[in-house]
PDB file of N, CA and C in Angstrom:
ATOM      1  N   MET A   1       0.836  -1.174   0.000  1.00  0.00           N
ATOM      2  CA  MET A   1       0.000   0.000   0.000  1.00  0.00           C
ATOM      3  C   MET A   1       0.882   1.240   0.000  1.00  0.00           C
ATOM      4  N   ALA A   2       0.588   2.174  -0.908  1.00  0.00           N
ATOM      5  CA  ALA A   2       1.367   3.404  -1.004  1.00  0.00           C
ATOM      6  C   ALA A   2       1.087   4.309   0.188  1.00  0.00           C
ATOM      7  N   ARG A   3       2.131   4.951   0.645  1.00  0.00           N
ATOM      8  CA  ARG A   3       1.972   5.904   1.750  1.00  0.00           C
ATOM      9  C   ARG A   3       2.149   7.312   1.193  1.00  0.00           C
ATOM     10  N   HIS A   4       1.295   8.178   1.628  1.00  0.00           N
ATOM     11  CA  HIS A   4       1.349   9.563   1.192  1.00  0.00           C
ATOM     12  C   HIS A   4       1.678  10.442   2.381  1.00  0.00           C
ATOM     13  N   ARG A   5       2.423  11.495   2.093  1.00  0.00           N
ATOM     14  CA  ARG A   5       2.754  12.416   3.165  1.00  0.00           C
ATOM     15  C   ARG A   5       2.759  13.834   2.622  1.00  0.00           C
ATOM     16  N   ILE A   6       2.497  14.763   3.469  1.00  0.00           N
ATOM     17  CA  ILE A   6       2.537  16.173   3.088  1.00  0.00           C
ATOM     18  C   ILE A   6       3.991  16.585   2.972  1.00  0.00           C
ATOM     19  N   VAL A   7       4.350  17.190   1.842  1.00  0.00           N
ATOM     20  CA  VAL A   7       5.736  17.634   1.649  1.00  0.00           C
ATOM     21  C   VAL A   7       5.865  19.145   1.759  1.00  0.00           C
ATOM     22  N   ALA A   8       4.750  19.874   1.645  1.00  0.00           N
ATOM     23  CA  ALA A   8       4.790  21.330   1.789  1.00  0.00           C
ATOM     24  C   ALA A   8       3.388  21.849   2.065  1.00  0.00           C
ATOM     25  N   THR A   9       3.321  22.939   2.789  1.00  0.00           N
ATOM     26  CA  THR A   9       2.072  23.637   3.033  1.00  0.00           C
ATOM     27  C   THR A   9       2.307  25.104   2.729  1.00  0.00           C
ATOM     28  N   PHE A  10       1.463  25.664   1.887  1.00  0.00           N
ATOM     29  CA  PHE A  10       1.567  27.070   1.516  1.00  0.00           C
ATOM     30  C   PHE A  10       0.366  27.809   2.108  1.00  0.00           C
ATOM     31  N   THR A  11       0.637  28.812   2.915  1.00  0.00           N
ATOM     32  CA  THR A  11      -0.440  29.568   3.549  1.00  0.00           C
ATOM     33  C   THR A  11      -0.303  31.042   3.188  1.00  0.00           C
ATOM     34  N   GLY A  12      -1.422  31.741   3.212  1.00  0.00           N
ATOM     35  CA  GLY A  12      -1.371  33.169   2.934  1.00  0.00           C
ATOM     36  C   GLY A  12      -2.687  33.746   2.458  1.00  0.00           C
ATOM     37  N   HIS A  13      -3.512  32.957   1.773  1.00  0.00           N
ATOM     38  CA  HIS A  13      -4.814  33.470   1.356  1.00  0.00           C
ATOM     39  C   HIS A  13      -5.674  33.707   2.596  1.00  0.00           C
ATOM     40  N   ARG A  14      -6.471  34.781   2.549  1.00  0.00           N
ATOM     41  CA  ARG A  14      -7.373  35.105   3.668  1.00  0.00           C
ATOM     42  C   ARG A  14      -8.669  34.308   3.589  1.00  0.00           C
ATOM     43  N   GLU A  15      -8.968  33.753   2.429  1.00  0.00           N
ATOM     44  CA  GLU A  15     -10.183  32.972   2.206  1.00  0.00           C
ATOM     45  C   GLU A  15      -9.777  31.623   1.619  1.00  0.00           C
ATOM     46  N   SER A  16     -10.759  30.827   1.249  1.00  0.00           N
ATOM     47  CA  SER A  16     -10.493  29.501   0.674  1.00  0.00           C
ATOM     48  C   SER A  16      -9.731  29.604  -0.641  1.00  0.00           C
ATOM     49  N   VAL A  17      -8.975  28.568  -0.934  1.00  0.00           N
ATOM     50  CA  VAL A  17      -8.267  28.444  -2.203  1.00  0.00           C
ATOM     51  C   VAL A  17      -9.160  27.655  -3.141  1.00  0.00           C
ATOM     52  N   SER A  18      -9.389  28.188  -4.341  1.00  0.00           N
ATOM     53  CA  SER A  18     -10.285  27.538  -5.291  1.00  0.00           C
ATOM     54  C   SER A  18      -9.552  26.645  -6.281  1.00  0.00           C
ATOM     55  N   SER A  19      -8.285  26.964  -6.588  1.00  0.00           N
ATOM     56  CA  SER A  19      -7.529  26.107  -7.507  1.00  0.00           C
ATOM     57  C   SER A  19      -6.042  26.396  -7.386  1.00  0.00           C
ATOM     58  N   VAL A  20      -5.268  25.456  -7.876  1.00  0.00           N
ATOM     59  CA  VAL A  20      -3.816  25.614  -7.957  1.00  0.00           C
ATOM     60  C   VAL A  20      -3.348  25.097  -9.309  1.00  0.00           C
ATOM     61  N   ALA A  21      -2.190  25.587  -9.748  1.00  0.00           N
ATOM     62  CA  ALA A  21      -1.596  25.118 -11.000  1.00  0.00           C
ATOM     63  C   ALA A  21      -0.083  25.141 -10.860  1.00  0.00           C
ATOM     64  N   PHE A  22       0.565  24.132 -11.428  1.00  0.00           N
ATOM     65  CA  PHE A  22       2.017  24.053 -11.451  1.00  0.00           C
ATOM     66  C   PHE A  22       2.539  24.538 -12.789  1.00  0.00           C
ATOM     67  N   ALA A  23       3.593  25.355 -12.774  1.00  0.00           N
ATOM     68  CA  ALA A  23       4.267  25.748 -14.013  1.00  0.00           C
ATOM     69  C   ALA A  23       4.989  24.536 -14.571  1.00  0.00           C
ATOM     70  N   SER A  24       5.210  24.537 -15.871  1.00  0.00           N
ATOM     71  CA  SER A  24       5.830  23.386 -16.527  1.00  0.00           C
ATOM     72  C   SER A  24       7.249  23.108 -16.039  1.00  0.00           C
ATOM     73  N   ASP A  25       7.943  24.124 -15.493  1.00  0.00           N
ATOM     74  CA  ASP A  25       9.305  23.899 -14.994  1.00  0.00           C
ATOM     75  C   ASP A  25       9.322  23.256 -13.615  1.00  0.00           C
ATOM     76  N   GLY A  26       8.137  23.130 -12.990  1.00  0.00           N
ATOM     77  CA  GLY A  26       8.055  22.501 -11.683  1.00  0.00           C
ATOM     78  C   GLY A  26       8.569  23.350 -10.543  1.00  0.00           C
ATOM     79  N   ARG A  27       8.883  24.615 -10.798  1.00  0.00           N
ATOM     80  CA  ARG A  27       9.444  25.480  -9.756  1.00  0.00           C
ATOM     81  C   ARG A  27       8.441  26.476  -9.188  1.00  0.00           C
ATOM     82  N   THR A  28       7.365  26.729  -9.941  1.00  0.00           N
ATOM     83  CA  THR A  28       6.408  27.754  -9.524  1.00  0.00           C
ATOM     84  C   THR A  28       5.015  27.158  -9.403  1.00  0.00           C
ATOM     85  N   LEU A  29       4.323  27.548  -8.342  1.00  0.00           N
ATOM     86  CA  LEU A  29       2.940  27.151  -8.110  1.00  0.00           C
ATOM     87  C   LEU A  29       2.112  28.425  -8.057  1.00  0.00           C
ATOM     88  N   ALA A  30       0.949  28.403  -8.687  1.00  0.00           N
ATOM     89  CA  ALA A  30      -0.005  29.517  -8.582  1.00  0.00           C
ATOM     90  C   ALA A  30      -1.222  29.015  -7.826  1.00  0.00           C
ATOM     91  N   SER A  31      -1.753  29.847  -6.938  1.00  0.00           N
ATOM     92  CA  SER A  31      -2.976  29.501  -6.215  1.00  0.00           C
ATOM     93  C   SER A  31      -3.971  30.644  -6.372  1.00  0.00           C
ATOM     94  N   ALA A  32      -5.235  30.278  -6.584  1.00  0.00           N
ATOM     95  CA  ALA A  32      -6.312  31.255  -6.741  1.00  0.00           C
ATOM     96  C   ALA A  32      -7.166  31.227  -5.488  1.00  0.00           C
ATOM     97  N   GLY A  33      -7.549  32.410  -5.025  1.00  0.00           N
ATOM     98  CA  GLY A  33      -8.301  32.457  -3.774  1.00  0.00           C
ATOM     99  C   GLY A  33      -9.606  33.213  -3.860  1.00  0.00           C
ATOM    100  N   TRP A  34     -10.490  32.853  -2.956  1.00  0.00           N
ATOM    101  CA  TRP A  34     -11.750  33.572  -2.835  1.00  0.00           C
ATOM    102  C   TRP A  34     -11.530  34.940  -2.210  1.00  0.00           C
ATOM    103  N   ASP A  35     -10.293  35.263  -1.871  1.00  0.00           N
ATOM    104  CA  ASP A  35      -9.962  36.591  -1.360  1.00  0.00           C
ATOM    105  C   ASP A  35      -9.650  37.561  -2.493  1.00  0.00           C
ATOM    106  N   GLY A  36      -9.839  37.144  -3.749  1.00  0.00           N
ATOM    107  CA  GLY A  36      -9.617  38.005  -4.900  1.00  0.00           C
ATOM    108  C   GLY A  36      -8.184  38.091  -5.361  1.00  0.00           C
ATOM    109  N   THR A  37      -7.323  37.217  -4.847  1.00  0.00           N
ATOM    110  CA  THR A  37      -5.910  37.269  -5.220  1.00  0.00           C
ATOM    111  C   THR A  37      -5.446  35.974  -5.873  1.00  0.00           C
ATOM    112  N   VAL A  38      -4.343  36.110  -6.594  1.00  0.00           N
ATOM    113  CA  VAL A  38      -3.588  34.968  -7.100  1.00  0.00           C
ATOM    114  C   VAL A  38      -2.223  35.071  -6.445  1.00  0.00           C
ATOM    115  N   ARG A  39      -1.761  33.977  -5.917  1.00  0.00           N
ATOM    116  CA  ARG A  39      -0.444  33.981  -5.275  1.00  0.00           C
ATOM    117  C   ARG A  39       0.504  33.077  -6.053  1.00  0.00           C
ATOM    118  N   LEU A  40       1.732  33.541  -6.182  1.00  0.00           N
ATOM    119  CA  LEU A  40       2.790  32.749  -6.811  1.00  0.00           C
ATOM    120  C   LEU A  40       3.740  32.286  -5.722  1.00  0.00           C
ATOM    121  N   TRP A  41       4.141  31.019  -5.832  1.00  0.00           N
ATOM    122  CA  TRP A  41       4.992  30.398  -4.812  1.00  0.00           C
ATOM    123  C   TRP A  41       6.213  29.767  -5.474  1.00  0.00           C
ATOM    124  N   ASP A  42       7.353  29.880  -4.814  1.00  0.00           N
ATOM    125  CA  ASP A  42       8.566  29.182  -5.236  1.00  0.00           C
ATOM    126  C   ASP A  42       8.556  27.818  -4.559  1.00  0.00           C
ATOM    127  N   ILE A  43       8.416  26.776  -5.350  1.00  0.00           N
ATOM    128  CA  ILE A  43       8.263  25.438  -4.774  1.00  0.00           C
ATOM    129  C   ILE A  43       9.521  24.961  -4.053  1.00  0.00           C
ATOM    130  N   PRO A  44      10.724  25.075  -4.655  1.00  0.00           N
ATOM    131  CA  PRO A  44      11.903  24.553  -3.939  1.00  0.00           C
ATOM    132  C   PRO A  44      12.128  25.190  -2.559  1.00  0.00           C
ATOM    133  N   SER A  45      11.945  26.510  -2.454  1.00  0.00           N
ATOM    134  CA  SER A  45      12.176  27.175  -1.165  1.00  0.00           C
ATOM    135  C   SER A  45      10.923  27.216  -0.302  1.00  0.00           C
ATOM    136  N   ARG A  46       9.765  26.892  -0.927  1.00  0.00           N
ATOM    137  CA  ARG A  46       8.469  26.935  -0.254  1.00  0.00           C
ATOM    138  C   ARG A  46       8.152  28.335   0.278  1.00  0.00           C
ATOM    139  N   ARG A  47       8.576  29.346  -0.468  1.00  0.00           N
ATOM    140  CA  ARG A  47       8.352  30.739  -0.083  1.00  0.00           C
ATOM    141  C   ARG A  47       7.436  31.435  -1.096  1.00  0.00           C
ATOM    142  N   PRO A  48       6.696  32.448  -0.626  1.00  0.00           N
ATOM    143  CA  PRO A  48       5.872  33.218  -1.558  1.00  0.00           C
ATOM    144  C   PRO A  48       6.742  34.079  -2.467  1.00  0.00           C
ATOM    145  N   LEU A  49       6.331  34.179  -3.729  1.00  0.00           N
ATOM    146  CA  LEU A  49       7.015  35.058  -4.669  1.00  0.00           C
ATOM    147  C   LEU A  49       6.298  36.401  -4.770  1.00  0.00           C
ATOM    148  N   ASP A  50       4.956  36.352  -4.847  1.00  0.00           N
ATOM    149  CA  ASP A  50       4.200  37.589  -4.985  1.00  0.00           C
ATOM    150  C   ASP A  50       2.706  37.300  -4.852  1.00  0.00           C
ATOM    151  N   THR A  51       1.954  38.361  -4.609  1.00  0.00           N
ATOM    152  CA  THR A  51       0.498  38.305  -4.610  1.00  0.00           C
ATOM    153  C   THR A  51       0.024  39.174  -5.766  1.00  0.00           C
ATOM    154  N   LEU A  52      -0.716  38.579  -6.691  1.00  0.00           N
ATOM    155  CA  LEU A  52      -1.211  39.295  -7.859  1.00  0.00           C
ATOM    156  C   LEU A  52      -2.623  39.790  -7.562  1.00  0.00           C
ATOM    157  N   THR A  53      -2.814  41.091  -7.686  1.00  0.00           N
ATOM    158  CA  THR A  53      -4.112  41.681  -7.401  1.00  0.00           C
ATOM    159  C   THR A  53      -4.654  42.364  -8.648  1.00  0.00           C
ATOM    160  N   GLY A  54      -5.955  42.483  -8.699  1.00  0.00           N
ATOM    161  CA  GLY A  54      -6.613  43.118  -9.831  1.00  0.00           C
ATOM    162  C   GLY A  54      -8.049  42.655  -9.960  1.00  0.00           C
ATOM    163  N   HIS A  55      -8.300  41.388  -9.656  1.00  0.00           N
ATOM    164  CA  HIS A  55      -9.675  40.900  -9.655  1.00  0.00           C
ATOM    165  C   HIS A  55     -10.444  41.606  -8.543  1.00  0.00           C
ATOM    166  N   THR A  56     -11.734  41.839  -8.779  1.00  0.00           N
ATOM    167  CA  THR A  56     -12.558  42.512  -7.773  1.00  0.00           C
ATOM    168  C   THR A  56     -13.514  41.546  -7.087  1.00  0.00           C
ATOM    169  N   GLY A  57     -13.257  40.276  -7.209  1.00  0.00           N
ATOM    170  CA  GLY A  57     -14.053  39.247  -6.558  1.00  0.00           C
ATOM    171  C   GLY A  57     -13.249  37.968  -6.479  1.00  0.00           C
ATOM    172  N   ASP A  58     -13.931  36.889  -6.138  1.00  0.00           N
ATOM    173  CA  ASP A  58     -13.276  35.585  -6.035  1.00  0.00           C
ATOM    174  C   ASP A  58     -12.530  35.247  -7.325  1.00  0.00           C
ATOM    175  N   VAL A  59     -11.417  34.548  -7.178  1.00  0.00           N
ATOM    176  CA  VAL A  59     -10.681  34.042  -8.343  1.00  0.00           C
ATOM    177  C   VAL A  59     -10.888  32.544  -8.384  1.00  0.00           C
ATOM    178  N   PHE A  60     -11.242  32.034  -9.542  1.00  0.00           N
ATOM    179  CA  PHE A  60     -11.550  30.613  -9.688  1.00  0.00           C
ATOM    180  C   PHE A  60     -10.349  29.859 -10.263  1.00  0.00           C
ATOM    181  N   PRO A  61     -10.340  29.486 -11.534  1.00  0.00           N
ATOM    182  CA  PRO A  61      -9.191  28.712 -12.010  1.00  0.00           C
ATOM    183  C   PRO A  61      -7.993  29.581 -12.376  1.00  0.00           C
ATOM    184  N   VAL A  62      -6.828  28.979 -12.280  1.00  0.00           N
ATOM    185  CA  VAL A  62      -5.592  29.551 -12.799  1.00  0.00           C
ATOM    186  C   VAL A  62      -4.951  28.491 -13.685  1.00  0.00           C
ATOM    187  N   ALA A  63      -4.252  28.950 -14.705  1.00  0.00           N
ATOM    188  CA  ALA A  63      -3.577  28.018 -15.622  1.00  0.00           C
ATOM    189  C   ALA A  63      -2.356  28.690 -16.225  1.00  0.00           C
ATOM    190  N   PHE A  64      -1.268  27.934 -16.304  1.00  0.00           N
ATOM    191  CA  PHE A  64      -0.060  28.422 -16.944  1.00  0.00           C
ATOM    192  C   PHE A  64      -0.083  28.074 -18.427  1.00  0.00           C
ATOM    193  N   ALA A  65       0.473  28.966 -19.247  1.00  0.00           N
ATOM    194  CA  ALA A  65       0.714  28.642 -20.651  1.00  0.00           C
ATOM    195  C   ALA A  65       1.739  27.517 -20.691  1.00  0.00           C
ATOM    196  N   PRO A  66       1.761  26.721 -21.757  1.00  0.00           N
ATOM    197  CA  PRO A  66       2.714  25.605 -21.824  1.00  0.00           C
ATOM    198  C   PRO A  66       4.171  26.012 -21.613  1.00  0.00           C
ATOM    199  N   ASP A  67       4.552  27.214 -22.055  1.00  0.00           N
ATOM    200  CA  ASP A  67       5.943  27.640 -21.873  1.00  0.00           C
ATOM    201  C   ASP A  67       6.201  28.210 -20.477  1.00  0.00           C
ATOM    202  N   GLY A  68       5.157  28.335 -19.647  1.00  0.00           N
ATOM    203  CA  GLY A  68       5.310  28.803 -18.278  1.00  0.00           C
ATOM    204  C   GLY A  68       5.505  30.294 -18.121  1.00  0.00           C
ATOM    205  N   ARG A  69       5.451  31.048 -19.210  1.00  0.00           N
ATOM    206  CA  ARG A  69       5.726  32.485 -19.142  1.00  0.00           C
ATOM    207  C   ARG A  69       4.498  33.334 -18.846  1.00  0.00           C
ATOM    208  N   THR A  70       3.322  32.791 -19.100  1.00  0.00           N
ATOM    209  CA  THR A  70       2.079  33.528 -18.885  1.00  0.00           C
ATOM    210  C   THR A  70       1.151  32.707 -18.007  1.00  0.00           C
ATOM    211  N   LEU A  71       0.446  33.397 -17.118  1.00  0.00           N
ATOM    212  CA  LEU A  71      -0.538  32.777 -16.249  1.00  0.00           C
ATOM    213  C   LEU A  71      -1.880  33.421 -16.544  1.00  0.00           C
ATOM    214  N   ALA A  72      -2.934  32.624 -16.629  1.00  0.00           N
ATOM    215  CA  ALA A  72      -4.293  33.142 -16.787  1.00  0.00           C
ATOM    216  C   ALA A  72      -5.051  32.893 -15.497  1.00  0.00           C
ATOM    217  N   SER A  73      -5.871  33.874 -15.109  1.00  0.00           N
ATOM    218  CA  SER A  73      -6.747  33.718 -13.944  1.00  0.00           C
ATOM    219  C   SER A  73      -8.140  34.196 -14.341  1.00  0.00           C
ATOM    220  N   ALA A  74      -9.161  33.491 -13.861  1.00  0.00           N
ATOM    221  CA  ALA A  74     -10.545  33.844 -14.173  1.00  0.00           C
ATOM    222  C   ALA A  74     -11.274  34.136 -12.877  1.00  0.00           C
ATOM    223  N   GLY A  75     -12.086  35.199 -12.886  1.00  0.00           N
ATOM    224  CA  GLY A  75     -12.705  35.599 -11.641  1.00  0.00           C
ATOM    225  C   GLY A  75     -14.192  35.865 -11.708  1.00  0.00           C
ATOM    226  N   ALA A  76     -14.766  36.002 -10.516  1.00  0.00           N
ATOM    227  CA  ALA A  76     -16.176  36.315 -10.376  1.00  0.00           C
ATOM    228  C   ALA A  76     -16.498  37.704 -10.916  1.00  0.00           C
ATOM    229  N   ASP A  77     -15.483  38.524 -11.133  1.00  0.00           N
ATOM    230  CA  ASP A  77     -15.686  39.851 -11.719  1.00  0.00           C
ATOM    231  C   ASP A  77     -15.908  39.782 -13.228  1.00  0.00           C
ATOM    232  N   ARG A  78     -16.041  38.551 -13.738  1.00  0.00           N
ATOM    233  CA  ARG A  78     -16.328  38.286 -15.161  1.00  0.00           C
ATOM    234  C   ARG A  78     -15.174  38.688 -16.070  1.00  0.00           C
ATOM    235  N   THR A  79     -13.960  38.555 -15.548  1.00  0.00           N
ATOM    236  CA  THR A  79     -12.779  38.828 -16.365  1.00  0.00           C
ATOM    237  C   THR A  79     -11.831  37.641 -16.323  1.00  0.00           C
ATOM    238  N   VAL A  80     -11.040  37.554 -17.370  1.00  0.00           N
ATOM    239  CA  VAL A  80      -9.880  36.677 -17.399  1.00  0.00           C
ATOM    240  C   VAL A  80      -8.689  37.617 -17.476  1.00  0.00           C
ATOM    241  N   ARG A  81      -7.728  37.404 -16.610  1.00  0.00           N
ATOM    242  CA  ARG A  81      -6.545  38.261 -16.583  1.00  0.00           C
ATOM    243  C   ARG A  81      -5.316  37.434 -16.947  1.00  0.00           C
ATOM    244  N   LEU A  82      -4.452  38.034 -17.747  1.00  0.00           N
ATOM    245  CA  LEU A  82      -3.202  37.396 -18.144  1.00  0.00           C
ATOM    246  C   LEU A  82      -2.060  38.090 -17.424  1.00  0.00           C
ATOM    247  N   TRP A  83      -1.157  37.294 -16.889  1.00  0.00           N
ATOM    248  CA  TRP A  83      -0.054  37.796 -16.064  1.00  0.00           C
ATOM    249  C   TRP A  83       1.277  37.322 -16.628  1.00  0.00           C
ATOM    250  N   ASP A  84       2.277  38.190 -16.571  1.00  0.00           N
ATOM    251  CA  ASP A  84       3.645  37.813 -16.918  1.00  0.00           C
ATOM    252  C   ASP A  84       4.255  37.160 -15.681  1.00  0.00           C
ATOM    253  N   VAL A  85       4.624  35.907 -15.780  1.00  0.00           N
ATOM    254  CA  VAL A  85       5.111  35.163 -14.616  1.00  0.00           C
ATOM    255  C   VAL A  85       6.456  35.700 -14.130  1.00  0.00           C
ATOM    256  N   ALA A  86       7.321  36.150 -15.031  1.00  0.00           N
ATOM    257  CA  ALA A  86       8.641  36.631 -14.628  1.00  0.00           C
ATOM    258  C   ALA A  86       8.572  37.961 -13.891  1.00  0.00           C
ATOM    259  N   THR A  87       7.725  38.880 -14.375  1.00  0.00           N
ATOM    260  CA  THR A  87       7.675  40.224 -13.784  1.00  0.00           C
ATOM    261  C   THR A  87       6.518  40.384 -12.799  1.00  0.00           C
ATOM    262  N   HIS A  88       5.585  39.431 -12.809  1.00  0.00           N
ATOM    263  CA  HIS A  88       4.396  39.456 -11.959  1.00  0.00           C
ATOM    264  C   HIS A  88       3.457  40.600 -12.322  1.00  0.00           C
ATOM    265  N   ARG A  89       3.575  41.122 -13.546  1.00  0.00           N
ATOM    266  CA  ARG A  89       2.725  42.224 -14.002  1.00  0.00           C
ATOM    267  C   ARG A  89       1.555  41.708 -14.820  1.00  0.00           C
ATOM    268  N   GLN A  90       0.461  42.432 -14.717  1.00  0.00           N
ATOM    269  CA  GLN A  90      -0.716  42.094 -15.507  1.00  0.00           C
ATOM    270  C   GLN A  90      -0.484  42.499 -16.959  1.00  0.00           C
ATOM    271  N   LEU A  91      -0.740  41.587 -17.880  1.00  0.00           N
ATOM    272  CA  LEU A  91      -0.543  41.849 -19.302  1.00  0.00           C
ATOM    273  C   LEU A  91      -1.824  42.292 -19.992  1.00  0.00           C
ATOM    274  N   ALA A  92      -2.953  41.713 -19.596  1.00  0.00           N
ATOM    275  CA  ALA A  92      -4.216  42.009 -20.268  1.00  0.00           C
ATOM    276  C   ALA A  92      -5.385  41.647 -19.370  1.00  0.00           C
ATOM    277  N   VAL A  93      -6.507  42.321 -19.624  1.00  0.00           N
ATOM    278  CA  VAL A  93      -7.775  41.994 -18.973  1.00  0.00           C
ATOM    279  C   VAL A  93      -8.757  41.680 -20.095  1.00  0.00           C
ATOM    280  N   LEU A  94      -9.286  40.469 -20.083  1.00  0.00           N
ATOM    281  CA  LEU A  94     -10.263  40.044 -21.078  1.00  0.00           C
ATOM    282  C   LEU A  94     -11.638  40.148 -20.440  1.00  0.00           C
ATOM    283  N   ALA A  95     -12.391  41.149 -20.824  1.00  0.00           N
ATOM    284  CA  ALA A  95     -13.685  41.430 -20.220  1.00  0.00           C
ATOM    285  C   ALA A  95     -14.795  41.141 -21.230  1.00  0.00           C
ATOM    286  N   GLY A  96     -16.023  41.236 -20.756  1.00  0.00           N
ATOM    287  CA  GLY A  96     -17.161  41.057 -21.634  1.00  0.00           C
ATOM    288  C   GLY A  96     -17.923  39.770 -21.412  1.00  0.00           C
ATOM    289  N   HIS A  97     -17.472  38.956 -20.491  1.00  0.00           N
ATOM    290  CA  HIS A  97     -18.191  37.723 -20.177  1.00  0.00           C
ATOM    291  C   HIS A  97     -19.525  38.085 -19.531  1.00  0.00           C
ATOM    292  N   THR A  98     -20.569  37.354 -19.860  1.00  0.00           N
ATOM    293  CA  THR A  98     -21.878  37.621 -19.253  1.00  0.00           C
ATOM    294  C   THR A  98     -22.073  36.841 -17.961  1.00  0.00           C
ATOM    295  N   ASP A  99     -21.266  35.849 -17.741  1.00  0.00           N
ATOM    296  CA  ASP A  99     -21.244  35.074 -16.508  1.00  0.00           C
ATOM    297  C   ASP A  99     -19.790  34.919 -16.089  1.00  0.00           C
ATOM    298  N   PRO A 100     -19.548  34.643 -14.823  1.00  0.00           N
ATOM    299  CA  PRO A 100     -18.164  34.403 -14.410  1.00  0.00           C
ATOM    300  C   PRO A 100     -17.545  33.272 -15.230  1.00  0.00           C
ATOM    301  N   PRO A 101     -16.348  33.472 -15.759  1.00  0.00           N
ATOM    302  CA  PRO A 101     -15.687  32.442 -16.577  1.00  0.00           C
ATOM    303  C   PRO A 101     -15.080  31.359 -15.699  1.00  0.00           C
ATOM    304  N   TRP A 102     -15.832  30.321 -15.444  1.00  0.00           N
ATOM    305  CA  TRP A 102     -15.378  29.245 -14.573  1.00  0.00           C
ATOM    306  C   TRP A 102     -15.471  27.935 -15.327  1.00  0.00           C
ATOM    307  N   PRO A 103     -14.477  27.653 -16.174  1.00  0.00           N
ATOM    308  CA  PRO A 103     -14.530  26.398 -16.933  1.00  0.00           C
ATOM    309  C   PRO A 103     -14.229  25.207 -16.044  1.00  0.00           C
ATOM    310  N   ALA A 104     -14.668  24.055 -16.502  1.00  0.00           N
ATOM    311  CA  ALA A 104     -14.382  22.819 -15.767  1.00  0.00           C
ATOM    312  C   ALA A 104     -12.891  22.562 -15.733  1.00  0.00           C
ATOM    313  N   ARG A 105     -12.190  22.956 -16.801  1.00  0.00           N
ATOM    314  CA  ARG A 105     -10.746  22.765 -16.869  1.00  0.00           C
ATOM    315  C   ARG A 105     -10.149  23.912 -17.662  1.00  0.00           C
ATOM    316  N   ALA A 106      -9.224  24.636 -17.070  1.00  0.00           N
ATOM    317  CA  ALA A 106      -8.650  25.800 -17.732  1.00  0.00           C
ATOM    318  C   ALA A 106      -7.297  25.455 -18.338  1.00  0.00           C
ATOM    319  N   THR A 107      -7.135  25.739 -19.607  1.00  0.00           N
ATOM    320  CA  THR A 107      -5.842  25.614 -20.268  1.00  0.00           C
ATOM    321  C   THR A 107      -5.665  26.799 -21.201  1.00  0.00           C
ATOM    322  N   ILE A 108      -4.409  27.238 -21.354  1.00  0.00           N
ATOM    323  CA  ILE A 108      -4.134  28.310 -22.297  1.00  0.00           C
ATOM    324  C   ILE A 108      -3.003  27.903 -23.193  1.00  0.00           C
TER     325      ILE A 108
END
């Protein structure tokens, strides 16, 4: 029987975490929270890299582009936001959704 153990715990969101995504390089984790933030984490050091703000409501899924350079986040504010993973800056806001963009599975 396989044994499982916790290898890391990342804390910092003020509300529940709705999703997480791993970058393709295995070094960065993104977490989306009902506190309206996306957090980036350095997996090897288990330290926070940054808190991405801009959504005005809960954040649902997050997904990294295959090359790991861009992160997408979708929120209850009916926007999808694109982020530069290296600089932690917002690249674009995709607005106009009539309902919150909460796909069953997010990929970019």
